Amino acid sequence: MKTSTLVHAAVFAAFALPVAAFAGPAPEPAFKAEKCYGIAAAAANDCQTATHSCAGSATRASDPASWIYVPAGTCAKIAGGKLAAK
C-alpha cells in the first residue's frame, strides 16, 4: 500500500515539475489592453512582482504592485486602478 502511494506521488511530481517550471506572467490578451495596478483580487493577478513569481499567485487583494490586463482606457474608470505601480 505504501509503495503504491509513493509511486503515485513520484509520477505526479514528474508531470507537475515541467508545468511549474514554465509558470510566469499571463500572456497578453488578443484585445488592445493596458496593465492596471492595484485592483487584482488575491490569486487573480496577471503579473510577476517582487513578492511572487507568476500569474495567479498574489497573496492579497488590491496589492499596489500586482496588475491585471484590462481593455485599454478602462483602468482609469476603476476605483483604485493605476496605470503604474506604486
PDB file of N, CA and C in Angstrom:
ATOM      1  N   MET A   1       0.828  -1.192   0.000  1.00  0.00           N
ATOM      2  CA  MET A   1       0.000   0.000   0.000  1.00  0.00           C
ATOM      3  C   MET A   1       0.869   1.251   0.000  1.00  0.00           C
ATOM      4  N   LYS A   2       1.897   1.290   0.832  1.00  0.00           N
ATOM      5  CA  LYS A   2       2.767   2.454   0.907  1.00  0.00           C
ATOM      6  C   LYS A   2       3.583   2.614  -0.368  1.00  0.00           C
ATOM      7  N   THR A   3       4.006   1.510  -0.971  1.00  0.00           N
ATOM      8  CA  THR A   3       4.764   1.574  -2.214  1.00  0.00           C
ATOM      9  C   THR A   3       3.912   2.176  -3.323  1.00  0.00           C
ATOM     10  N   SER A   4       2.658   1.799  -3.385  1.00  0.00           N
ATOM     11  CA  SER A   4       1.745   2.325  -4.383  1.00  0.00           C
ATOM     12  C   SER A   4       1.579   3.846  -4.235  1.00  0.00           C
ATOM     13  N   THR A   5       1.444   4.302  -3.008  1.00  0.00           N
ATOM     14  CA  THR A   5       1.309   5.741  -2.748  1.00  0.00           C
ATOM     15  C   THR A   5       2.568   6.474  -3.174  1.00  0.00           C
ATOM     16  N   LEU A   6       3.718   5.896  -2.882  1.00  0.00           N
ATOM     17  CA  LEU A   6       4.992   6.505  -3.258  1.00  0.00           C
ATOM     18  C   LEU A   6       5.134   6.589  -4.775  1.00  0.00           C
ATOM     19  N   VAL A   7       4.742   5.547  -5.469  1.00  0.00           N
ATOM     20  CA  VAL A   7       4.805   5.541  -6.936  1.00  0.00           C
ATOM     21  C   VAL A   7       3.881   6.603  -7.516  1.00  0.00           C
ATOM     22  N   HIS A   8       2.661   6.701  -6.984  1.00  0.00           N
ATOM     23  CA  HIS A   8       1.724   7.711  -7.467  1.00  0.00           C
ATOM     24  C   HIS A   8       2.274   9.113  -7.241  1.00  0.00           C
ATOM     25  N   ALA A   9       2.876   9.346  -6.092  1.00  0.00           N
ATOM     26  CA  ALA A   9       3.449  10.660  -5.793  1.00  0.00           C
ATOM     27  C   ALA A   9       4.595  10.986  -6.739  1.00  0.00           C
ATOM     28  N   ALA A  10       5.424  10.014  -7.038  1.00  0.00           N
ATOM     29  CA  ALA A  10       6.551  10.230  -7.948  1.00  0.00           C
ATOM     30  C   ALA A  10       6.070  10.532  -9.362  1.00  0.00           C
ATOM     31  N   VAL A  11       5.058   9.822  -9.820  1.00  0.00           N
ATOM     32  CA  VAL A  11       4.514  10.073 -11.163  1.00  0.00           C
ATOM     33  C   VAL A  11       3.892  11.463 -11.225  1.00  0.00           C
ATOM     34  N   PHE A  12       3.137  11.843 -10.205  1.00  0.00           N
ATOM     35  CA  PHE A  12       2.537  13.178 -10.161  1.00  0.00           C
ATOM     36  C   PHE A  12       3.623  14.247 -10.187  1.00  0.00           C
ATOM     37  N   ALA A  13       4.671  14.072  -9.407  1.00  0.00           N
ATOM     38  CA  ALA A  13       5.763  15.049  -9.356  1.00  0.00           C
ATOM     39  C   ALA A  13       6.453  15.163 -10.714  1.00  0.00           C
ATOM     40  N   ALA A  14       6.611  14.054 -11.403  1.00  0.00           N
ATOM     41  CA  ALA A  14       7.262  14.077 -12.711  1.00  0.00           C
ATOM     42  C   ALA A  14       6.458  14.886 -13.725  1.00  0.00           C
ATOM     43  N   PHE A  15       5.142  14.835 -13.634  1.00  0.00           N
ATOM     44  CA  PHE A  15       4.300  15.604 -14.551  1.00  0.00           C
ATOM     45  C   PHE A  15       4.128  17.052 -14.097  1.00  0.00           C
ATOM     46  N   ALA A  16       4.108  17.295 -12.809  1.00  0.00           N
ATOM     47  CA  ALA A  16       3.873  18.640 -12.273  1.00  0.00           C
ATOM     48  C   ALA A  16       5.101  19.529 -12.406  1.00  0.00           C
ATOM     49  N   LEU A  17       6.285  18.988 -12.300  1.00  0.00           N
ATOM     50  CA  LEU A  17       7.507  19.784 -12.338  1.00  0.00           C
ATOM     51  C   LEU A  17       7.661  20.565 -13.637  1.00  0.00           C
ATOM     52  N   PRO A  18       7.490  19.964 -14.808  1.00  0.00           N
ATOM     53  CA  PRO A  18       7.619  20.760 -16.035  1.00  0.00           C
ATOM     54  C   PRO A  18       6.581  21.874 -16.140  1.00  0.00           C
ATOM     55  N   VAL A  19       5.389  21.653 -15.650  1.00  0.00           N
ATOM     56  CA  VAL A  19       4.348  22.680 -15.681  1.00  0.00           C
ATOM     57  C   VAL A  19       4.747  23.843 -14.783  1.00  0.00           C
ATOM     58  N   ALA A  20       5.235  23.562 -13.590  1.00  0.00           N
ATOM     59  CA  ALA A  20       5.648  24.604 -12.651  1.00  0.00           C
ATOM     60  C   ALA A  20       6.857  25.375 -13.174  1.00  0.00           C
ATOM     61  N   ALA A  21       7.728  24.715 -13.916  1.00  0.00           N
ATOM     62  CA  ALA A  21       8.931  25.376 -14.425  1.00  0.00           C
ATOM     63  C   ALA A  21       8.595  26.446 -15.460  1.00  0.00           C
ATOM     64  N   PHE A  22       7.471  26.319 -16.153  1.00  0.00           N
ATOM     65  CA  PHE A  22       7.108  27.274 -17.178  1.00  0.00           C
ATOM     66  C   PHE A  22       6.088  28.308 -16.714  1.00  0.00           C
ATOM     67  N   ALA A  23       5.755  28.312 -15.432  1.00  0.00           N
ATOM     68  CA  ALA A  23       4.816  29.305 -14.907  1.00  0.00           C
ATOM     69  C   ALA A  23       5.458  30.681 -14.980  1.00  0.00           C
ATOM     70  N   GLY A  24       4.677  31.673 -15.288  1.00  0.00           N
ATOM     71  CA  GLY A  24       5.189  33.032 -15.400  1.00  0.00           C
ATOM     72  C   GLY A  24       4.051  33.990 -15.595  1.00  0.00           C
ATOM     73  N   PRO A  25       4.347  35.147 -16.142  1.00  0.00           N
ATOM     74  CA  PRO A  25       3.285  36.123 -16.373  1.00  0.00           C
ATOM     75  C   PRO A  25       2.236  35.585 -17.349  1.00  0.00           C
ATOM     76  N   ALA A  26       1.035  36.093 -17.227  1.00  0.00           N
ATOM     77  CA  ALA A  26      -0.036  35.705 -18.143  1.00  0.00           C
ATOM     78  C   ALA A  26       0.275  36.247 -19.535  1.00  0.00           C
ATOM     79  N   PRO A  27      -0.120  35.543 -20.582  1.00  0.00           N
ATOM     80  CA  PRO A  27       0.107  36.059 -21.932  1.00  0.00           C
ATOM     81  C   PRO A  27      -0.757  37.291 -22.193  1.00  0.00           C
ATOM     82  N   GLU A  28      -0.263  38.185 -23.016  1.00  0.00           N
ATOM     83  CA  GLU A  28      -1.032  39.391 -23.338  1.00  0.00           C
ATOM     84  C   GLU A  28      -2.280  38.982 -24.116  1.00  0.00           C
ATOM     85  N   PRO A  29      -3.428  39.541 -23.752  1.00  0.00           N
ATOM     86  CA  PRO A  29      -4.674  39.154 -24.423  1.00  0.00           C
ATOM     87  C   PRO A  29      -4.722  39.639 -25.872  1.00  0.00           C
ATOM     88  N   ALA A  30      -5.665  39.078 -26.631  1.00  0.00           N
ATOM     89  CA  ALA A  30      -5.805  39.423 -28.045  1.00  0.00           C
ATOM     90  C   ALA A  30      -6.363  40.842 -28.245  1.00  0.00           C
ATOM     91  N   PHE A  31      -7.111  41.348 -27.272  1.00  0.00           N
ATOM     92  CA  PHE A  31      -7.664  42.693 -27.400  1.00  0.00           C
ATOM     93  C   PHE A  31      -6.630  43.750 -27.001  1.00  0.00           C
ATOM     94  N   LYS A  32      -6.849  45.012 -27.406  1.00  0.00           N
ATOM     95  CA  LYS A  32      -5.942  46.098 -27.029  1.00  0.00           C
ATOM     96  C   LYS A  32      -6.064  46.301 -25.518  1.00  0.00           C
ATOM     97  N   ALA A  33      -4.970  46.062 -24.798  1.00  0.00           N
ATOM     98  CA  ALA A  33      -5.024  46.031 -23.340  1.00  0.00           C
ATOM     99  C   ALA A  33      -4.026  46.991 -22.711  1.00  0.00           C
ATOM    100  N   GLU A  34      -4.263  47.261 -21.433  1.00  0.00           N
ATOM    101  CA  GLU A  34      -3.316  48.016 -20.621  1.00  0.00           C
ATOM    102  C   GLU A  34      -3.194  47.310 -19.275  1.00  0.00           C
ATOM    103  N   LYS A  35      -2.070  47.529 -18.607  1.00  0.00           N
ATOM    104  CA  LYS A  35      -1.868  46.954 -17.286  1.00  0.00           C
ATOM    105  C   LYS A  35      -2.495  47.885 -16.267  1.00  0.00           C
ATOM    106  N   CYS A  36      -3.313  47.331 -15.372  1.00  0.00           N
ATOM    107  CA  CYS A  36      -3.979  48.125 -14.340  1.00  0.00           C
ATOM    108  C   CYS A  36      -3.526  47.605 -12.976  1.00  0.00           C
ATOM    109  N   TYR A  37      -2.815  48.441 -12.243  1.00  0.00           N
ATOM    110  CA  TYR A  37      -2.241  48.078 -10.948  1.00  0.00           C
ATOM    111  C   TYR A  37      -3.218  48.350  -9.809  1.00  0.00           C
ATOM    112  N   GLY A  38      -3.137  47.532  -8.771  1.00  0.00           N
ATOM    113  CA  GLY A  38      -3.864  47.773  -7.536  1.00  0.00           C
ATOM    114  C   GLY A  38      -5.296  47.295  -7.482  1.00  0.00           C
ATOM    115  N   ILE A  39      -5.759  46.562  -8.472  1.00  0.00           N
ATOM    116  CA  ILE A  39      -7.159  46.125  -8.460  1.00  0.00           C
ATOM    117  C   ILE A  39      -7.327  44.614  -8.498  1.00  0.00           C
ATOM    118  N   ALA A  40      -6.244  43.878  -8.610  1.00  0.00           N
ATOM    119  CA  ALA A  40      -6.343  42.417  -8.721  1.00  0.00           C
ATOM    120  C   ALA A  40      -6.815  41.797  -7.410  1.00  0.00           C
ATOM    121  N   ALA A  41      -7.668  40.813  -7.523  1.00  0.00           N
ATOM    122  CA  ALA A  41      -8.085  40.036  -6.358  1.00  0.00           C
ATOM    123  C   ALA A  41      -6.944  39.092  -5.974  1.00  0.00           C
ATOM    124  N   ALA A  42      -6.960  38.597  -4.762  1.00  0.00           N
ATOM    125  CA  ALA A  42      -5.950  37.630  -4.339  1.00  0.00           C
ATOM    126  C   ALA A  42      -5.992  36.426  -5.277  1.00  0.00           C
ATOM    127  N   ALA A  43      -4.837  35.988  -5.718  1.00  0.00           N
ATOM    128  CA  ALA A  43      -4.674  34.834  -6.613  1.00  0.00           C
ATOM    129  C   ALA A  43      -5.282  35.057  -7.992  1.00  0.00           C
ATOM    130  N   ALA A  44      -5.479  36.326  -8.403  1.00  0.00           N
ATOM    131  CA  ALA A  44      -6.056  36.594  -9.722  1.00  0.00           C
ATOM    132  C   ALA A  44      -5.243  37.627 -10.488  1.00  0.00           C
ATOM    133  N   ASN A  45      -3.961  37.752 -10.182  1.00  0.00           N
ATOM    134  CA  ASN A  45      -3.107  38.715 -10.875  1.00  0.00           C
ATOM    135  C   ASN A  45      -2.574  38.132 -12.181  1.00  0.00           C
ATOM    136  N   ASP A  46      -2.126  38.996 -13.078  1.00  0.00           N
ATOM    137  CA  ASP A  46      -1.558  38.568 -14.355  1.00  0.00           C
ATOM    138  C   ASP A  46      -0.050  38.786 -14.404  1.00  0.00           C
ATOM    139  N   CYS A  47       0.565  39.118 -13.288  1.00  0.00           N
ATOM    140  CA  CYS A  47       1.947  39.576 -13.342  1.00  0.00           C
ATOM    141  C   CYS A  47       2.892  38.850 -12.414  1.00  0.00           C
ATOM    142  N   GLN A  48       4.140  39.184 -12.582  1.00  0.00           N
ATOM    143  CA  GLN A  48       5.220  38.723 -11.729  1.00  0.00           C
ATOM    144  C   GLN A  48       5.746  39.954 -11.004  1.00  0.00           C
ATOM    145  N   THR A  49       5.870  39.898  -9.687  1.00  0.00           N
ATOM    146  CA  THR A  49       6.372  41.036  -8.919  1.00  0.00           C
ATOM    147  C   THR A  49       7.487  40.579  -7.986  1.00  0.00           C
ATOM    148  N   ALA A  50       7.934  41.467  -7.136  1.00  0.00           N
ATOM    149  CA  ALA A  50       8.993  41.125  -6.181  1.00  0.00           C
ATOM    150  C   ALA A  50       8.522  40.111  -5.141  1.00  0.00           C
ATOM    151  N   THR A  51       7.212  40.021  -4.894  1.00  0.00           N
ATOM    152  CA  THR A  51       6.713  39.131  -3.858  1.00  0.00           C
ATOM    153  C   THR A  51       6.179  37.802  -4.378  1.00  0.00           C
ATOM    154  N   HIS A  52       5.970  37.669  -5.665  1.00  0.00           N
ATOM    155  CA  HIS A  52       5.524  36.395  -6.232  1.00  0.00           C
ATOM    156  C   HIS A  52       6.061  36.261  -7.641  1.00  0.00           C
ATOM    157  N   SER A  53       6.147  35.016  -8.116  1.00  0.00           N
ATOM    158  CA  SER A  53       6.860  34.767  -9.353  1.00  0.00           C
ATOM    159  C   SER A  53       6.004  34.505 -10.577  1.00  0.00           C
ATOM    160  N   CYS A  54       4.689  34.403 -10.410  1.00  0.00           N
ATOM    161  CA  CYS A  54       3.898  34.127 -11.602  1.00  0.00           C
ATOM    162  C   CYS A  54       2.446  34.554 -11.440  1.00  0.00           C
ATOM    163  N   ALA A  55       1.746  34.536 -12.560  1.00  0.00           N
ATOM    164  CA  ALA A  55       0.333  34.908 -12.579  1.00  0.00           C
ATOM    165  C   ALA A  55      -0.464  34.013 -11.649  1.00  0.00           C
ATOM    166  N   GLY A  56      -1.462  34.614 -10.998  1.00  0.00           N
ATOM    167  CA  GLY A  56      -2.335  33.848 -10.122  1.00  0.00           C
ATOM    168  C   GLY A  56      -1.751  33.558  -8.757  1.00  0.00           C
ATOM    169  N   SER A  57      -0.684  34.240  -8.375  1.00  0.00           N
ATOM    170  CA  SER A  57      -0.058  33.932  -7.093  1.00  0.00           C
ATOM    171  C   SER A  57      -0.013  35.105  -6.120  1.00  0.00           C
ATOM    172  N   ALA A  58      -0.775  36.157  -6.379  1.00  0.00           N
ATOM    173  CA  ALA A  58      -0.839  37.277  -5.430  1.00  0.00           C
ATOM    174  C   ALA A  58      -1.496  36.792  -4.142  1.00  0.00           C
ATOM    175  N   THR A  59      -0.936  37.173  -3.013  1.00  0.00           N
ATOM    176  CA  THR A  59      -1.453  36.684  -1.738  1.00  0.00           C
ATOM    177  C   THR A  59      -2.485  37.610  -1.114  1.00  0.00           C
ATOM    178  N   ARG A  60      -2.618  38.827  -1.629  1.00  0.00           N
ATOM    179  CA  ARG A  60      -3.623  39.736  -1.069  1.00  0.00           C
ATOM    180  C   ARG A  60      -4.306  40.513  -2.201  1.00  0.00           C
ATOM    181  N   ALA A  61      -5.515  40.925  -1.939  1.00  0.00           N
ATOM    182  CA  ALA A  61      -6.275  41.706  -2.913  1.00  0.00           C
ATOM    183  C   ALA A  61      -5.787  43.152  -2.908  1.00  0.00           C
ATOM    184  N   SER A  62      -5.908  43.820  -4.023  1.00  0.00           N
ATOM    185  CA  SER A  62      -5.557  45.237  -4.194  1.00  0.00           C
ATOM    186  C   SER A  62      -4.093  45.538  -3.897  1.00  0.00           C
ATOM    187  N   ASP A  63      -3.211  44.585  -4.142  1.00  0.00           N
ATOM    188  CA  ASP A  63      -1.774  44.799  -3.960  1.00  0.00           C
ATOM    189  C   ASP A  63      -1.319  45.840  -4.977  1.00  0.00           C
ATOM    190  N   PRO A  64      -0.714  46.958  -4.549  1.00  0.00           N
ATOM    191  CA  PRO A  64      -0.335  48.008  -5.490  1.00  0.00           C
ATOM    192  C   PRO A  64       0.744  47.591  -6.487  1.00  0.00           C
ATOM    193  N   ALA A  65       1.462  46.502  -6.235  1.00  0.00           N
ATOM    194  CA  ALA A  65       2.486  46.033  -7.169  1.00  0.00           C
ATOM    195  C   ALA A  65       1.934  45.042  -8.190  1.00  0.00           C
ATOM    196  N   SER A  66       0.771  44.477  -7.932  1.00  0.00           N
ATOM    197  CA  SER A  66       0.175  43.487  -8.833  1.00  0.00           C
ATOM    198  C   SER A  66      -0.726  44.162  -9.852  1.00  0.00           C
ATOM    199  N   TRP A  67      -0.730  43.611 -11.067  1.00  0.00           N
ATOM    200  CA  TRP A  67      -1.586  44.185 -12.114  1.00  0.00           C
ATOM    201  C   TRP A  67      -2.346  43.085 -12.835  1.00  0.00           C
ATOM    202  N   ILE A  68      -3.376  43.515 -13.534  1.00  0.00           N
ATOM    203  CA  ILE A  68      -4.117  42.638 -14.429  1.00  0.00           C
ATOM    204  C   ILE A  68      -4.310  43.375 -15.755  1.00  0.00           C
ATOM    205  N   TYR A  69      -4.505  42.610 -16.807  1.00  0.00           N
ATOM    206  CA  TYR A  69      -4.822  43.216 -18.100  1.00  0.00           C
ATOM    207  C   TYR A  69      -6.289  43.621 -18.118  1.00  0.00           C
ATOM    208  N   VAL A  70      -6.559  44.831 -18.562  1.00  0.00           N
ATOM    209  CA  VAL A  70      -7.922  45.317 -18.767  1.00  0.00           C
ATOM    210  C   VAL A  70      -7.971  45.963 -20.147  1.00  0.00           C
ATOM    211  N   PRO A  71      -9.149  46.089 -20.750  1.00  0.00           N
ATOM    212  CA  PRO A  71      -9.237  46.763 -22.036  1.00  0.00           C
ATOM    213  C   PRO A  71      -8.692  48.194 -21.936  1.00  0.00           C
ATOM    214  N   ALA A  72      -7.998  48.625 -22.967  1.00  0.00           N
ATOM    215  CA  ALA A  72      -7.394  49.966 -22.992  1.00  0.00           C
ATOM    216  C   ALA A  72      -8.443  51.028 -22.687  1.00  0.00           C
ATOM    217  N   GLY A  73      -8.092  51.966 -21.800  1.00  0.00           N
ATOM    218  CA  GLY A  73      -8.987  53.040 -21.430  1.00  0.00           C
ATOM    219  C   GLY A  73      -9.890  52.722 -20.249  1.00  0.00           C
ATOM    220  N   THR A  74      -9.801  51.514 -19.726  1.00  0.00           N
ATOM    221  CA  THR A  74     -10.684  51.086 -18.650  1.00  0.00           C
ATOM    222  C   THR A  74     -10.103  51.338 -17.266  1.00  0.00           C
ATOM    223  N   CYS A  75      -8.803  51.240 -17.100  1.00  0.00           N
ATOM    224  CA  CYS A  75      -8.183  51.298 -15.777  1.00  0.00           C
ATOM    225  C   CYS A  75      -8.528  52.577 -15.019  1.00  0.00           C
ATOM    226  N   ALA A  76      -8.507  53.709 -15.702  1.00  0.00           N
ATOM    227  CA  ALA A  76      -8.802  54.983 -15.043  1.00  0.00           C
ATOM    228  C   ALA A  76     -10.239  55.058 -14.539  1.00  0.00           C
ATOM    229  N   LYS A  77     -11.111  54.195 -15.057  1.00  0.00           N
ATOM    230  CA  LYS A  77     -12.513  54.199 -14.653  1.00  0.00           C
ATOM    231  C   LYS A  77     -12.783  53.285 -13.457  1.00  0.00           C
ATOM    232  N   ILE A  78     -11.785  52.527 -13.025  1.00  0.00           N
ATOM    233  CA  ILE A  78     -11.956  51.575 -11.928  1.00  0.00           C
ATOM    234  C   ILE A  78     -11.406  52.189 -10.650  1.00  0.00           C
ATOM    235  N   ALA A  79     -12.201  52.168  -9.582  1.00  0.00           N
ATOM    236  CA  ALA A  79     -11.753  52.713  -8.299  1.00  0.00           C
ATOM    237  C   ALA A  79     -10.502  52.002  -7.822  1.00  0.00           C
ATOM    238  N   GLY A  80      -9.450  52.744  -7.568  1.00  0.00           N
ATOM    239  CA  GLY A  80      -8.194  52.183  -7.105  1.00  0.00           C
ATOM    240  C   GLY A  80      -7.250  51.772  -8.210  1.00  0.00           C
ATOM    241  N   GLY A  81      -7.689  51.815  -9.456  1.00  0.00           N
ATOM    242  CA  GLY A  81      -6.858  51.418 -10.583  1.00  0.00           C
ATOM    243  C   GLY A  81      -5.815  52.467 -10.924  1.00  0.00           C
ATOM    244  N   LYS A  82      -4.583  52.039 -11.124  1.00  0.00           N
ATOM    245  CA  LYS A  82      -3.469  52.914 -11.502  1.00  0.00           C
ATOM    246  C   LYS A  82      -2.763  52.335 -12.721  1.00  0.00           C
ATOM    247  N   LEU A  83      -2.259  53.206 -13.580  1.00  0.00           N
ATOM    248  CA  LEU A  83      -1.542  52.748 -14.771  1.00  0.00           C
ATOM    249  C   LEU A  83      -0.070  52.463 -14.497  1.00  0.00           C
ATOM    250  N   ALA A  84       0.408  52.767 -13.288  1.00  0.00           N
ATOM    251  CA  ALA A  84       1.780  52.497 -12.902  1.00  0.00           C
ATOM    252  C   ALA A  84       1.810  51.951 -11.479  1.00  0.00           C
ATOM    253  N   ALA A  85       2.822  51.146 -11.176  1.00  0.00           N
ATOM    254  CA  ALA A  85       2.951  50.590  -9.823  1.00  0.00           C
ATOM    255  C   ALA A  85       3.315  51.701  -8.843  1.00  0.00           C
ATOM    256  N   LYS A  86       2.907  51.523  -7.605  1.00  0.00           N
ATOM    257  CA  LYS A  86       3.273  52.487  -6.560  1.00  0.00           C
ATOM    258  C   LYS A  86       4.695  52.275  -6.135  1.00  0.00           C
TER     259      LYS A  86
END
